[in-house]
Protein backbone atom coordinates (compact mmCIF):
# COMPACT_ATOMS: atom_id res chain seq x y z
CA UNK A 1 170.04 53.67 176.93
CA UNK A 2 167.13 52.47 175.44
CA UNK A 3 166.24 50.66 178.06
CA UNK A 4 166.64 53.25 180.69
CA UNK A 5 164.53 55.53 178.69
CA UNK A 6 161.46 53.04 179.26
CA UNK A 7 162.18 52.33 182.84
CA UNK A 8 162.69 56.22 183.47
CA UNK A 9 158.99 56.64 181.47
CA UNK A 10 157.81 53.90 183.84
CA UNK A 11 158.37 55.55 186.70
CA UNK A 12 156.71 58.77 186.10
CA UNK A 13 153.93 56.84 184.11
CA UNK A 14 153.94 55.18 188.18
CA UNK A 15 154.21 58.46 189.67
CA UNK A 16 152.02 60.33 187.80
CA UNK A 17 148.88 58.83 186.99
CA UNK A 18 148.42 57.75 191.36
CA UNK A 19 149.79 61.29 191.95
CA UNK A 20 147.05 63.05 190.51
CA UNK A 21 144.32 60.99 191.62
CA UNK A 22 144.93 61.74 195.28
CA UNK A 23 146.23 64.85 195.01
CA UNK A 24 142.79 66.16 192.73
CA UNK A 25 141.29 64.69 196.28
CA UNK A 26 143.34 66.88 198.83
CA UNK A 27 142.42 69.83 196.70
CA UNK A 28 138.67 68.97 197.10
CA UNK A 29 138.19 67.64 200.14
CA UNK A 30 137.46 68.94 203.50
CA UNK A 31 140.33 70.32 206.04
CA UNK A 32 143.80 69.68 203.50
CA UNK A 33 141.53 71.53 200.69
CA UNK A 34 141.27 74.84 202.91
CA UNK A 35 142.35 78.12 201.09
CA UNK A 36 143.89 78.53 204.40
CA UNK A 37 146.99 75.85 203.47
CA UNK A 38 149.44 76.51 200.31
CA UNK A 39 149.28 74.79 197.56
CA UNK A 40 152.63 73.61 197.74
CA UNK A 41 151.96 71.66 200.84
CA UNK A 42 149.13 69.89 199.61
CA UNK A 43 151.33 69.25 196.52
CA UNK A 44 153.97 67.82 198.96
CA UNK A 45 151.57 65.64 201.14
CA UNK A 46 150.45 63.97 197.82
CA UNK A 47 153.84 63.23 196.87
CA UNK A 48 154.87 61.66 199.99
CA UNK A 49 151.51 59.48 200.05
CA UNK A 50 151.75 58.63 196.29
CA UNK A 51 155.35 57.09 197.34
CA UNK A 52 154.67 55.55 200.03
CA UNK A 53 151.26 53.71 197.17
CA UNK A 54 153.75 53.00 194.65
CA UNK A 55 155.23 50.15 195.87
CA UNK A 56 152.36 48.39 196.20
CA UNK A 57 150.25 49.23 192.69
CA UNK A 58 151.06 46.97 189.56
CA UNK A 59 152.93 48.81 186.80
CA UNK A 60 150.85 51.30 184.76
CA UNK A 61 150.19 50.46 181.19
CA UNK A 62 150.13 53.67 179.86
CA UNK A 63 153.94 54.83 179.61
CA UNK A 64 153.50 57.83 177.04
CA UNK A 65 153.10 60.70 178.81
CA UNK A 66 152.49 63.25 176.17
CA UNK A 67 150.02 61.02 174.21
CA UNK A 68 146.43 61.87 174.05
CA UNK A 69 145.91 58.78 176.40
CA UNK A 70 147.84 59.59 179.02
CA UNK A 71 145.82 63.19 179.18
CA UNK A 72 142.35 60.95 178.66
CA UNK A 73 144.15 58.81 181.86
CA UNK A 74 144.91 61.97 183.51
CA UNK A 75 141.37 63.37 183.18
CA UNK A 76 140.03 59.95 184.71
CA UNK A 77 141.80 60.05 187.94
CA UNK A 78 140.93 63.74 188.44
CA UNK A 79 137.14 62.97 187.89
CA UNK A 80 137.88 59.95 190.52
CA UNK A 81 139.36 61.76 193.35
CA UNK A 82 137.30 65.13 192.83
CA UNK A 83 134.22 62.87 193.47
CA UNK A 84 135.96 61.41 196.42
CA UNK A 85 136.80 64.56 197.88
CA UNK A 86 133.69 66.34 196.74
CA UNK A 87 131.55 64.56 199.27
CA UNK A 88 133.15 65.71 201.97
CA UNK A 89 132.46 69.26 201.21
CA UNK A 90 129.00 67.80 200.64
CA UNK A 91 128.66 66.10 203.85
CA UNK A 92 130.24 69.75 205.77
CA UNK A 93 128.40 71.66 203.95
CA UNK A 94 125.14 69.84 206.27
CA UNK A 95 126.15 71.37 209.06
CA UNK A 96 126.38 75.59 207.24
CA UNK A 97 123.00 74.86 205.78
CA UNK A 98 121.82 73.87 209.11
CA UNK A 99 123.23 76.87 211.35
CA UNK A 100 121.79 79.24 208.57
CA UNK A 101 118.43 78.08 208.36
CA UNK A 102 118.50 78.22 212.40
CA UNK A 103 119.99 81.78 212.33
CA UNK A 104 117.27 82.74 210.19
CA UNK A 105 114.55 81.71 211.91
CA UNK A 106 115.96 83.18 215.46
CA UNK A 107 117.03 86.45 214.23
CA UNK A 108 120.51 85.58 214.07
CA UNK A 109 120.93 85.74 210.28
CA UNK A 110 123.02 89.87 210.65
CA UNK A 111 125.07 88.22 212.57
CA UNK A 112 127.42 87.08 209.70
CA UNK A 113 131.14 86.56 208.88
CA UNK A 114 133.64 85.94 206.10
CA UNK A 115 134.30 82.42 206.36
CA UNK A 116 137.90 81.59 205.50
CA UNK A 117 138.13 78.35 203.87
CA UNK A 118 135.59 79.42 201.20
CA UNK A 119 136.12 83.30 200.95
CA UNK A 120 132.44 83.63 201.47
CA UNK A 121 129.53 85.80 204.38
CA UNK A 122 127.88 83.42 206.30
CA UNK A 123 125.78 83.83 209.18
CA UNK A 124 128.16 83.43 212.74
CA UNK A 125 126.24 80.38 213.96
CA UNK A 126 126.76 78.56 209.90
CA UNK A 127 130.24 79.62 211.19
CA UNK A 128 130.58 77.90 214.26
CA UNK A 129 128.24 74.70 213.11
CA UNK A 130 131.25 74.09 210.32
CA UNK A 131 134.26 74.85 212.88
CA UNK A 132 133.03 72.16 215.22
CA UNK A 133 131.96 70.07 212.84
CA UNK A 134 135.78 70.66 211.18
CA UNK A 135 136.99 69.94 214.53
CA UNK A 136 135.06 66.78 214.83
CA UNK A 137 136.17 65.87 211.44
CA UNK A 138 139.90 66.06 212.63
CA UNK A 139 139.63 64.65 215.58
CA UNK A 140 137.62 61.20 214.39
CA UNK A 141 140.43 61.12 211.98
CA UNK A 142 137.95 61.94 209.08
CA UNK A 143 141.44 62.74 206.43
CA UNK A 144 143.03 59.25 207.93
CA UNK A 145 139.70 57.57 205.95
CA UNK A 146 139.80 59.41 203.22
CA UNK A 147 143.64 59.03 202.78
CA UNK A 148 143.31 55.09 203.31
CA UNK A 149 139.51 55.08 201.31
CA UNK A 150 142.01 56.59 198.23
CA UNK A 151 144.98 54.22 198.54
CA UNK A 152 142.24 51.38 198.52
CA UNK A 153 140.65 52.54 195.12
CA UNK A 154 144.09 51.47 193.46
CA UNK A 155 143.07 48.34 194.05
CA UNK A 156 138.61 48.21 193.65
CA UNK A 157 139.35 50.59 190.75
CA UNK A 158 143.12 49.84 188.60
CA UNK A 159 144.51 52.62 186.34
CA UNK A 160 142.94 50.99 183.42
CA UNK A 161 140.13 51.86 180.71
CA UNK A 162 138.05 51.25 182.98
CA UNK A 163 135.94 54.69 183.90
CA UNK A 164 133.12 54.96 187.47
CA UNK A 165 130.14 53.75 186.50
CA UNK A 166 127.50 56.27 185.47
CA UNK A 167 125.42 55.22 187.86
CA UNK A 168 127.93 57.09 190.17
CA UNK A 169 127.59 60.32 189.06
CA UNK A 170 123.70 60.29 189.45
CA UNK A 171 124.19 58.81 193.00
CA UNK A 172 126.22 61.45 193.92
CA UNK A 173 123.98 64.07 192.46
CA UNK A 174 121.06 62.88 194.92
CA UNK A 175 123.72 63.07 197.80
CA UNK A 176 123.86 66.49 197.20
CA UNK A 177 119.98 66.62 197.50
CA UNK A 178 120.44 64.27 200.65
CA UNK A 179 122.15 67.10 202.12
CA UNK A 180 118.96 69.46 202.61
CA UNK A 181 117.20 66.74 203.85
CA UNK A 182 120.18 65.94 206.64
CA UNK A 183 120.61 69.78 207.49
CA UNK A 184 116.64 69.91 208.10
CA UNK A 185 116.92 66.79 210.17
CA UNK A 186 119.59 68.67 212.18
CA UNK A 187 117.96 72.14 212.72
CA UNK A 188 114.22 70.77 212.72
CA UNK A 189 114.25 71.08 217.01
CA UNK A 190 115.35 74.51 217.18
CA UNK A 191 112.90 75.38 214.23
CA UNK A 192 110.36 73.98 215.26
CA UNK A 193 110.64 75.80 218.29
CA UNK A 194 111.03 78.94 217.34
CA UNK A 195 108.13 78.46 215.53
CA UNK A 196 106.05 77.95 218.14
CA UNK A 197 107.33 80.70 219.45
CA UNK A 198 106.74 83.24 217.13
CA UNK A 199 103.07 82.06 216.29
CA UNK A 200 102.83 82.97 220.44
CA UNK A 201 103.91 86.32 220.29
CA UNK A 202 101.00 86.73 216.94
CA UNK A 203 98.65 85.04 219.08
CA UNK A 204 99.82 88.23 221.90
CA UNK A 205 99.66 91.39 219.27
CA UNK A 206 95.91 89.88 218.36
CA UNK A 207 94.90 89.13 221.65
CA UNK A 208 96.13 92.52 222.96
CA UNK A 209 97.27 94.77 220.10
CA UNK A 210 97.63 97.85 223.06
CA UNK A 211 101.01 95.61 223.97
CA UNK A 212 104.40 96.68 222.16
CA UNK A 213 105.12 93.28 221.33
CA UNK A 214 108.17 94.20 218.58
CA UNK A 215 110.23 95.94 221.64
CA UNK A 216 110.25 92.33 223.72
CA UNK A 217 109.69 90.55 220.84
CA UNK A 218 113.01 90.88 218.31
CA UNK A 219 115.50 90.28 221.64
CA UNK A 220 113.44 87.55 223.17
CA UNK A 221 113.29 85.61 220.47
CA UNK A 222 117.26 85.76 220.04
CA UNK A 223 117.68 85.00 223.56
CA UNK A 224 115.41 81.72 222.80
CA UNK A 225 117.13 80.37 219.93
CA UNK A 226 120.23 80.77 221.80
CA UNK A 227 118.84 78.49 224.67
CA UNK A 228 116.93 76.21 222.09
CA UNK A 229 120.65 75.77 220.18
CA UNK A 230 122.18 75.23 223.12
CA UNK A 231 119.82 72.60 224.96
CA UNK A 232 119.88 70.68 221.23
CA UNK A 233 123.47 70.86 220.89
CA UNK A 234 123.44 67.25 222.35
CA UNK A 235 122.48 65.80 219.62
CA UNK A 236 125.37 67.40 217.40
CA UNK A 237 127.70 64.24 217.68
CA UNK A 238 125.05 61.69 217.30
CA UNK A 239 123.71 63.71 213.32
CA UNK A 240 127.50 63.99 212.73
CA UNK A 241 128.44 60.21 213.41
CA UNK A 242 125.72 59.13 211.28
CA UNK A 243 126.37 61.76 208.63
CA UNK A 244 129.99 60.89 208.19
CA UNK A 245 129.02 57.04 207.96
CA UNK A 246 126.18 57.58 205.43
CA UNK A 247 129.24 59.92 203.33
CA UNK A 248 131.59 57.00 203.77
CA UNK A 249 129.56 54.66 202.19
CA UNK A 250 128.98 56.89 199.14
CA UNK A 251 132.60 57.50 198.85
CA UNK A 252 133.19 53.31 199.01
CA UNK A 253 129.56 53.11 196.00
CA UNK A 254 131.95 55.91 193.89
CA UNK A 255 135.04 53.52 194.29
CA UNK A 256 133.29 50.40 194.18
CA UNK A 257 133.60 49.00 197.19
C-alpha cells in the first residue's frame, strides 16, 4: 500500500510540474491566451500536451505535493512558462503600437474599436494591424513553434533547483524596449510621408492665408494616410518575419538554447 501511494505521488508530481509550465505559457501567449478562449479549453490543451510530453521527461525529484519546496517549484515553472509566453505578447504589440502611431499622425485616431483580446479601445488601424499579424502568426504555425520550444525547455531547463538566469529578466526588459524601436521601424515610412504632407499644408497656409486649408486638409490627410499605408503594406510581411525571428531568439535565450 505504501509503495502504491509513493507511485501515485510520483505520478502526480510528474504531471503537475510540466503542466504548470505549459499552462502558464498557454495562458499568456498570443492566440491561445486570448480572453475569447475559455479557460477550461486552455487547460484541456495543456493537459493533453503534458500527457504527451511526460514519457520523455525524467521522474520529478520533488514528490511531496504539500511541501513548501513544491510551492517554490510550481512558482519556478510558472515564471518560466509566463516568460516564454510574454515574449509573444510583446511581439504582437509591435504592430498595435505601429498602427496607433500611423492612425494618430494621419487623423484616423478618432476611429477606435474595442480589442476583444485585451478589452481595450484601440484605433481601428492598430486593430487592423493586430488582426493581420495574428492571422500571420497562425499561418506560419507560430503556436506550434512555441509549443515545441516549451517542450524543448524541459531538456535545456529541467525541473530541478536551477532557476532562470538573472540575466534573462534583464534581457526581457530590454526586449520590451526593442518593441518600441521595431514599431517605429514598421511605421516610419507612413509617419515621414504624413509629416511631409502636413509641412506642405503649413507652407500653403503661410503663402496664402486666405485659403481655407483646414476645410480640405483633414479629409486629404486621412485619404493620404490610407493611400500611404496601402503602399507600404508590401513590407508588412518582411517586418513580421524579422520581428518573429528576433522573438524566437529571445525565447531560446530564456530557456538556454
